[in-house]
Protein backbone atom coordinates (compact mmCIF):
# COMPACT_ATOMS: atom_id res chain seq x y z
CA MET A 1 94.64 -25.14 25.29
CA SER A 2 93.71 -27.62 22.87
CA ARG A 3 91.76 -29.72 25.39
CA ARG A 4 89.99 -26.66 26.80
CA SER A 5 88.94 -25.58 23.31
CA SER A 6 87.87 -29.01 22.48
CA SER A 7 85.89 -29.20 25.64
CA ARG A 8 84.18 -25.85 24.95
CA SER A 9 83.37 -26.88 21.43
CA SER A 10 81.90 -30.00 22.75
CA ASN A 11 79.96 -28.31 25.42
CA SER A 12 78.68 -25.87 22.96
CA SER A 13 77.61 -28.49 20.63
CA GLY A 14 76.00 -30.38 23.50
CA GLY A 15 74.22 -27.32 24.72
CA GLY A 16 73.01 -26.44 21.07
CA SER A 17 71.58 -29.96 20.76
CA SER A 18 69.92 -29.76 23.96
CA GLY A 19 68.37 -26.32 23.28
CA ALA A 20 67.08 -27.43 19.96
CA THR A 21 65.09 -30.36 21.37
CA PRO A 22 62.30 -28.29 23.16
CA ALA A 23 61.63 -26.10 20.06
CA THR A 24 61.33 -29.27 17.87
CA SER A 25 58.94 -30.91 20.45
CA THR A 26 56.83 -27.69 20.51
CA ALA A 27 56.51 -27.57 16.88
CA ALA A 28 55.61 -31.15 16.64
CA SER A 29 52.90 -30.83 19.35
CA ALA A 30 51.60 -27.75 17.51
CA SER A 31 51.30 -29.68 14.28
CA ASN A 32 49.68 -32.54 16.10
CA GLN A 33 47.12 -30.31 17.60
CA MET A 34 46.50 -28.62 14.11
CA ALA A 35 45.97 -31.99 12.65
CA ALA A 36 43.52 -33.02 15.50
CA TYR A 37 41.67 -29.85 14.76
CA LYS A 38 41.50 -30.43 11.21
CA ALA A 39 40.24 -33.88 11.67
CA GLN A 40 37.50 -32.64 14.05
CA LEU A 41 36.53 -29.97 11.59
CA HIS A 42 36.45 -32.52 8.81
CA ASP A 43 34.16 -34.60 10.82
CA ILE A 44 31.88 -31.75 11.62
CA LEU A 45 31.70 -30.83 7.95
CA GLU A 46 30.90 -34.32 6.98
CA VAL A 47 28.08 -34.41 9.49
CA VAL A 48 26.80 -30.98 8.18
CA ASP A 49 26.93 -32.32 4.57
CA GLU A 50 24.85 -35.48 5.66
CA LYS A 51 22.29 -33.25 7.40
CA LEU A 52 21.98 -30.66 4.50
CA LEU A 53 22.03 -32.97 1.60
CA VAL A 54 18.62 -34.46 2.65
CA TYR A 55 16.93 -31.37 1.09
CA PRO A 56 16.60 -31.28 -2.66
CA LEU A 57 17.11 -27.61 -2.85
CA VAL A 58 20.70 -27.81 -1.25
CA GLN A 59 21.42 -30.72 -3.66
CA GLN A 60 20.55 -28.48 -6.54
CA VAL A 61 22.56 -25.54 -5.29
CA CYS A 62 25.61 -27.92 -4.57
CA ALA A 63 25.21 -29.30 -8.02
CA GLN A 64 25.13 -25.93 -9.80
CA THR A 65 27.94 -24.35 -7.69
CA LYS A 66 30.21 -27.34 -7.28
CA VAL A 67 30.79 -26.47 -3.58
CA ARG A 68 30.18 -28.57 -0.65
CA ALA A 69 27.10 -27.98 1.36
CA SER A 70 28.91 -27.45 4.54
CA TYR A 71 31.11 -24.74 2.82
CA LEU A 72 27.96 -23.00 1.57
CA ALA A 73 26.38 -23.23 5.04
CA SER A 74 29.61 -22.00 6.76
CA GLY A 75 29.82 -19.02 4.37
CA ALA A 76 26.07 -18.15 4.87
CA VAL A 77 26.59 -18.22 8.67
CA VAL A 78 29.67 -16.11 8.52
CA PHE A 79 27.92 -13.63 6.26
CA LEU A 80 24.87 -13.47 8.32
CA THR A 81 26.77 -13.03 11.43
CA LEU A 82 28.81 -10.07 10.18
CA PHE A 83 25.82 -8.77 8.49
CA LEU A 84 23.79 -8.73 11.58
CA PHE A 85 26.70 -7.78 13.80
CA TRP A 86 27.01 -4.36 11.96
CA GLY A 87 23.28 -3.95 11.98
CA LEU A 88 22.86 -3.42 8.37
CA GLY A 89 19.43 -4.77 7.49
CA GLY A 90 19.12 -6.96 10.49
CA ARG A 91 15.60 -6.44 10.98
CA LEU A 92 14.85 -7.35 7.50
CA VAL A 93 16.75 -10.52 7.40
CA ALA A 94 15.35 -11.56 10.89
CA ASN A 95 11.75 -10.96 9.61
CA ALA A 96 12.51 -12.93 6.49
CA VAL A 97 13.75 -15.85 8.52
CA GLY A 98 10.91 -15.92 10.87
CA PHE A 99 8.24 -15.43 8.13
CA ILE A 100 9.14 -16.90 4.74
CA TYR A 101 10.10 -20.40 5.63
CA PRO A 102 7.09 -20.95 8.08
CA LEU A 103 4.78 -19.46 5.46
CA TYR A 104 5.90 -22.06 2.86
CA GLU A 105 5.90 -24.86 5.29
CA SER A 106 2.32 -23.88 6.29
CA TYR A 107 1.35 -23.69 2.58
CA GLY A 108 2.74 -27.19 2.00
CA SER A 109 0.98 -28.56 5.07
CA LEU A 110 -2.42 -27.30 3.62
CA ARG A 111 -1.73 -28.69 0.22
CA ARG A 112 -0.94 -32.07 1.55
CA LYS A 113 -4.12 -32.48 3.30
CA PRO A 114 -6.56 -35.11 1.51
CA HIS A 115 -9.53 -33.25 2.76
CA PRO A 116 -10.05 -29.58 4.06
CA GLY A 117 -10.45 -29.45 7.69
CA VAL A 118 -8.17 -32.37 8.53
CA VAL A 119 -5.80 -31.24 11.29
CA ASP A 120 -2.76 -33.35 12.29
CA GLU A 121 0.40 -32.79 14.36
CA GLU A 122 2.12 -30.73 11.68
CA ASP A 123 -0.86 -28.24 11.39
CA THR A 124 -0.73 -27.95 15.20
CA GLN A 125 2.91 -27.18 15.13
CA TRP A 126 2.67 -24.33 12.50
CA LEU A 127 -0.47 -23.02 14.07
CA THR A 128 1.20 -22.88 17.48
CA TYR A 129 4.26 -21.15 15.87
CA TRP A 130 2.00 -18.52 14.34
CA VAL A 131 0.42 -17.83 17.62
CA VAL A 132 3.96 -17.41 19.27
CA TYR A 133 5.26 -15.29 16.28
CA SER A 134 2.36 -12.97 16.62
CA SER A 135 2.75 -12.69 20.33
CA PHE A 136 6.49 -12.06 19.94
CA THR A 137 5.97 -9.37 17.25
CA LEU A 138 3.47 -7.64 19.46
CA ILE A 139 5.86 -7.67 22.47
CA GLU A 140 8.71 -6.50 20.26
CA SER A 141 6.71 -3.52 18.95
CA LEU A 142 6.16 -2.43 22.55
CA THR A 143 9.60 -2.74 23.56
CA SER A 144 11.36 -1.43 20.57
CA MET A 145 13.45 1.04 22.74
CA LEU A 146 15.06 -1.88 24.54
CA GLN A 147 16.43 -3.47 21.39
CA THR A 148 19.34 -1.05 21.17
CA TRP A 149 20.56 -2.22 24.63
CA ILE A 150 20.68 -5.88 23.77
CA PRO A 151 23.99 -6.85 21.84
CA LEU A 152 23.35 -8.67 18.56
CA TYR A 153 19.69 -8.43 19.07
CA HIS A 154 18.72 -9.55 15.47
CA LEU A 155 20.95 -12.41 15.72
CA VAL A 156 19.40 -13.51 18.98
CA LYS A 157 16.02 -13.11 17.42
CA ILE A 158 16.78 -15.31 14.56
CA ALA A 159 18.17 -17.93 16.77
CA PHE A 160 15.02 -17.80 18.96
CA LEU A 161 12.72 -17.98 15.77
CA VAL A 162 14.61 -20.87 14.39
CA TRP A 163 14.29 -22.71 17.79
CA CYS A 164 10.57 -22.07 17.72
CA MET A 165 9.99 -23.39 14.20
CA ALA A 166 12.49 -26.15 13.94
CA PRO A 167 10.89 -29.70 14.08
CA GLN A 168 13.63 -30.99 16.14
CA THR A 169 13.07 -28.51 18.95
CA ARG A 170 9.57 -27.20 18.62
CA GLY A 171 10.10 -24.25 20.87
CA ALA A 172 6.84 -22.86 19.91
CA LEU A 173 4.86 -25.61 21.60
CA LEU A 174 6.81 -25.13 24.81
CA ILE A 175 6.20 -21.39 24.90
CA TYR A 176 2.64 -21.76 24.14
CA ALA A 177 2.17 -24.40 26.83
CA ARG A 178 4.17 -22.60 29.46
CA VAL A 179 3.45 -18.97 28.81
CA ILE A 180 0.72 -18.12 26.40
CA GLU A 181 -1.88 -20.60 27.13
CA PRO A 182 -2.01 -20.09 30.92
CA VAL A 183 -2.56 -16.31 30.34
CA LEU A 184 -5.38 -16.92 27.83
CA VAL A 185 -7.01 -19.27 30.21
CA LYS A 186 -6.74 -16.74 33.06
CA TYR A 187 -8.22 -13.84 31.07
CA GLU A 188 -10.41 -15.83 28.71
CA GLY A 189 -13.75 -14.64 30.35
CA LYS A 190 -12.65 -10.94 30.19
CA ILE A 191 -11.36 -11.42 26.67
CA ASP A 192 -14.65 -12.92 25.48
CA ALA A 193 -16.77 -10.21 27.22
CA ALA A 194 -14.54 -7.52 25.59
CA ARG A 195 -14.82 -9.13 22.23
CA HIS A 196 -18.65 -9.41 22.57
CA HIS A 197 -18.87 -5.74 23.50
CA LEU A 198 -16.61 -4.78 20.61
CA HIS A 199 -18.74 -6.78 18.17
CA ARG A 200 -21.91 -4.96 19.46
CA SER A 201 -20.15 -1.63 19.24
CA ILE A 202 -19.19 -2.27 15.65
CA ASP A 203 -22.71 -3.37 14.78
CA SER A 204 -24.24 -0.24 16.32
CA PHE A 205 -21.70 2.03 14.74
CA GLY A 206 -22.48 0.36 11.56
CA ASP A 207 -26.19 0.96 11.96
CA ILE A 208 -25.39 4.51 12.79
CA VAL A 209 -23.28 5.04 9.71
CA MET A 210 -25.85 3.39 7.51
CA GLU A 211 -28.64 5.57 8.88
CA ALA A 212 -26.56 8.73 8.46
CA GLY A 213 -25.60 7.64 4.99
CA SER A 214 -29.22 7.07 4.21
CA GLU A 215 -30.21 10.44 5.73
CA ALA A 216 -27.45 12.19 3.68
CA LEU A 217 -28.67 10.42 0.52
CA ASP A 218 -32.13 11.62 1.07
CA ALA A 219 -31.08 15.05 1.74
CA LYS A 220 -29.10 15.01 -1.42
CA LYS A 221 -31.94 13.71 -3.44
CA LYS A 222 -34.21 16.38 -2.03
CA GLU A 223 -31.66 19.00 -2.83
CA LEU A 224 -31.27 17.75 -6.41
CA VAL A 225 -35.04 17.67 -6.85
CA ASP A 226 -35.38 21.16 -5.63
CA GLU A 227 -32.74 22.50 -7.84
CA ALA A 228 -34.20 20.84 -10.90
CA VAL A 229 -37.71 22.41 -9.95
CA ASP A 230 -36.16 25.81 -9.43
CA SER A 231 -34.40 25.38 -12.66
CA LEU A 232 -37.63 24.51 -14.50
CA LEU A 233 -39.49 27.28 -12.97
CA THR A 234 -36.61 29.86 -13.67
CA ARG A 235 -36.63 28.66 -17.36
CA ARG A 236 -40.44 28.87 -17.58
CA GLY A 237 -40.47 32.33 -16.03
CA LYS A 238 -37.92 33.53 -18.64
CA GLY A 239 -39.81 32.02 -21.40
CA GLN A 240 -43.01 33.93 -20.21
CA GLN A 241 -41.03 37.34 -19.88
CA ALA A 242 -39.58 36.73 -23.34
CA GLU A 243 -42.96 36.23 -24.79
CA GLN A 244 -44.45 39.27 -22.96
CA SER A 245 -41.56 41.43 -24.22
CA GLU A 246 -42.23 40.18 -27.76
CA GLY A 247 -45.92 41.08 -27.55
CA VAL A 248 -44.99 44.50 -26.19
CA ASP A 249 -42.75 45.14 -28.90
CA HIS A 250 -45.29 43.95 -31.44
CA GLU A 251 -48.01 46.31 -30.14
CA ALA A 252 -45.48 49.06 -30.05
CA GLY A 253 -44.62 48.40 -33.57
CA GLU A 254 -48.22 48.39 -34.70
CA GLU A 255 -48.91 51.75 -32.84
CA GLY A 256 -45.92 53.18 -34.62
CA LEU A 257 -47.21 52.15 -37.97
CA GLY A 258 -50.73 53.58 -37.20
CA GLU A 259 -49.26 56.96 -36.36
CA GLU A 260 -47.00 57.00 -39.40
CA GLU A 261 -50.00 56.25 -41.59
CA GLU A 262 -52.25 58.95 -40.09
CA GLU A 263 -49.23 61.48 -40.75
CA ALA A 264 -48.94 60.30 -44.21
CA VAL A 265 -52.75 60.67 -44.71
CA ALA A 266 -52.81 64.15 -43.00
CA VAL A 267 -49.93 65.19 -45.44
CA GLU A 268 -51.53 63.69 -48.60
CA LYS A 269 -55.05 65.08 -47.92
CA PRO A 270 -54.31 68.80 -48.26
CA ALA A 271 -52.27 68.16 -51.45
CA ALA A 272 -55.07 66.22 -53.05
CA GLU A 273 -57.65 68.96 -52.19
CA GLY A 274 -55.28 71.64 -53.64
CA GLU A 275 -55.02 69.62 -56.82
CA VAL A 276 -58.85 69.30 -56.90
CA GLU A 277 -59.25 73.03 -56.54
CA GLY A 278 -56.81 73.89 -59.20
CA GLU A 279 -58.57 71.55 -61.72
CA GLU A 280 -61.97 73.10 -61.00
CA GLY A 281 -60.52 76.66 -61.46
CA VAL A 282 -59.09 75.69 -64.79
CA ALA A 283 -62.31 74.16 -65.96
CA GLY A 284 -64.43 76.92 -64.87
CA ALA A 285 -62.39 79.90 -66.59
CA PRO A 286 -63.08 79.10 -70.27
CA GLY A 287 -66.82 78.57 -69.57
CA GLY A 288 -67.10 82.03 -68.04
CA ALA A 289 -65.46 83.59 -71.05
CA GLU A 290 -67.78 81.87 -73.41
CA THR A 291 -70.75 83.19 -71.66
CA GLU A 292 -69.63 86.70 -71.73
CA HIS A 293 -68.93 86.32 -75.35
CA ASP A 294 -72.27 84.87 -75.94
CA LYS A 295 -73.88 87.73 -74.03
CA ASP A 296 -72.12 90.18 -76.26
CA LEU A 297 -73.25 88.50 -79.23
């Protein structure tokens, strides 16, 4: 019994040691793979730091935040990916990426020129990019309904625009040489004819507008002159009517005064005649008495 139990214990201990060996080896291999991944990631971050620290703006941001440039870039990439994946403001971010940086670089290219009108390879790159960007924006506006069917459309758009503008890839030059330039060369005659016709139409339309505006201005001037003349004549007529009414009132007043004076004279004349007769009667009565008395004497 003791031998069997000892053999069992030895077998169990041997089996346990043999079972622990694969688990230990798996953990060791996993740790080795993790260490290898960390080493690869560290190397990639070192390369990203070297690429990004060339720019003074990145150096300033890293100095202020005390964070590695690779970490900032990784966070920005993750944030933009999630931001664009959920579709919140993807169009705004994509347009900002495709417009702000090329705008500033074009401005810097113009400022660095010693004389205006000098064109170099940098100017050609950015001018070609703006041609491609304009064409892409036009096509995008015509196919806006198809954007919902493309997964991560705005992220794809940003990657495309970065590929077009990056000095290392210069995708805009490739698209212009392969797509845009052949189309323009093929339809250049028709485009020039249409542009010439458009210019003539604009000129004729401008002449028509100027002529119509001149006629309208002349008509307005004539209307204002007629209104001024009518107003002047109306005022003059009202003044003459007022003068005539004043003259009629004055004549009527004078006639009224004449009639009142005649009536007063007619009333006063009989009274005066009565007074004269009374005085004559008084004066004649004593004279008559004396005469008779004298006769008696």
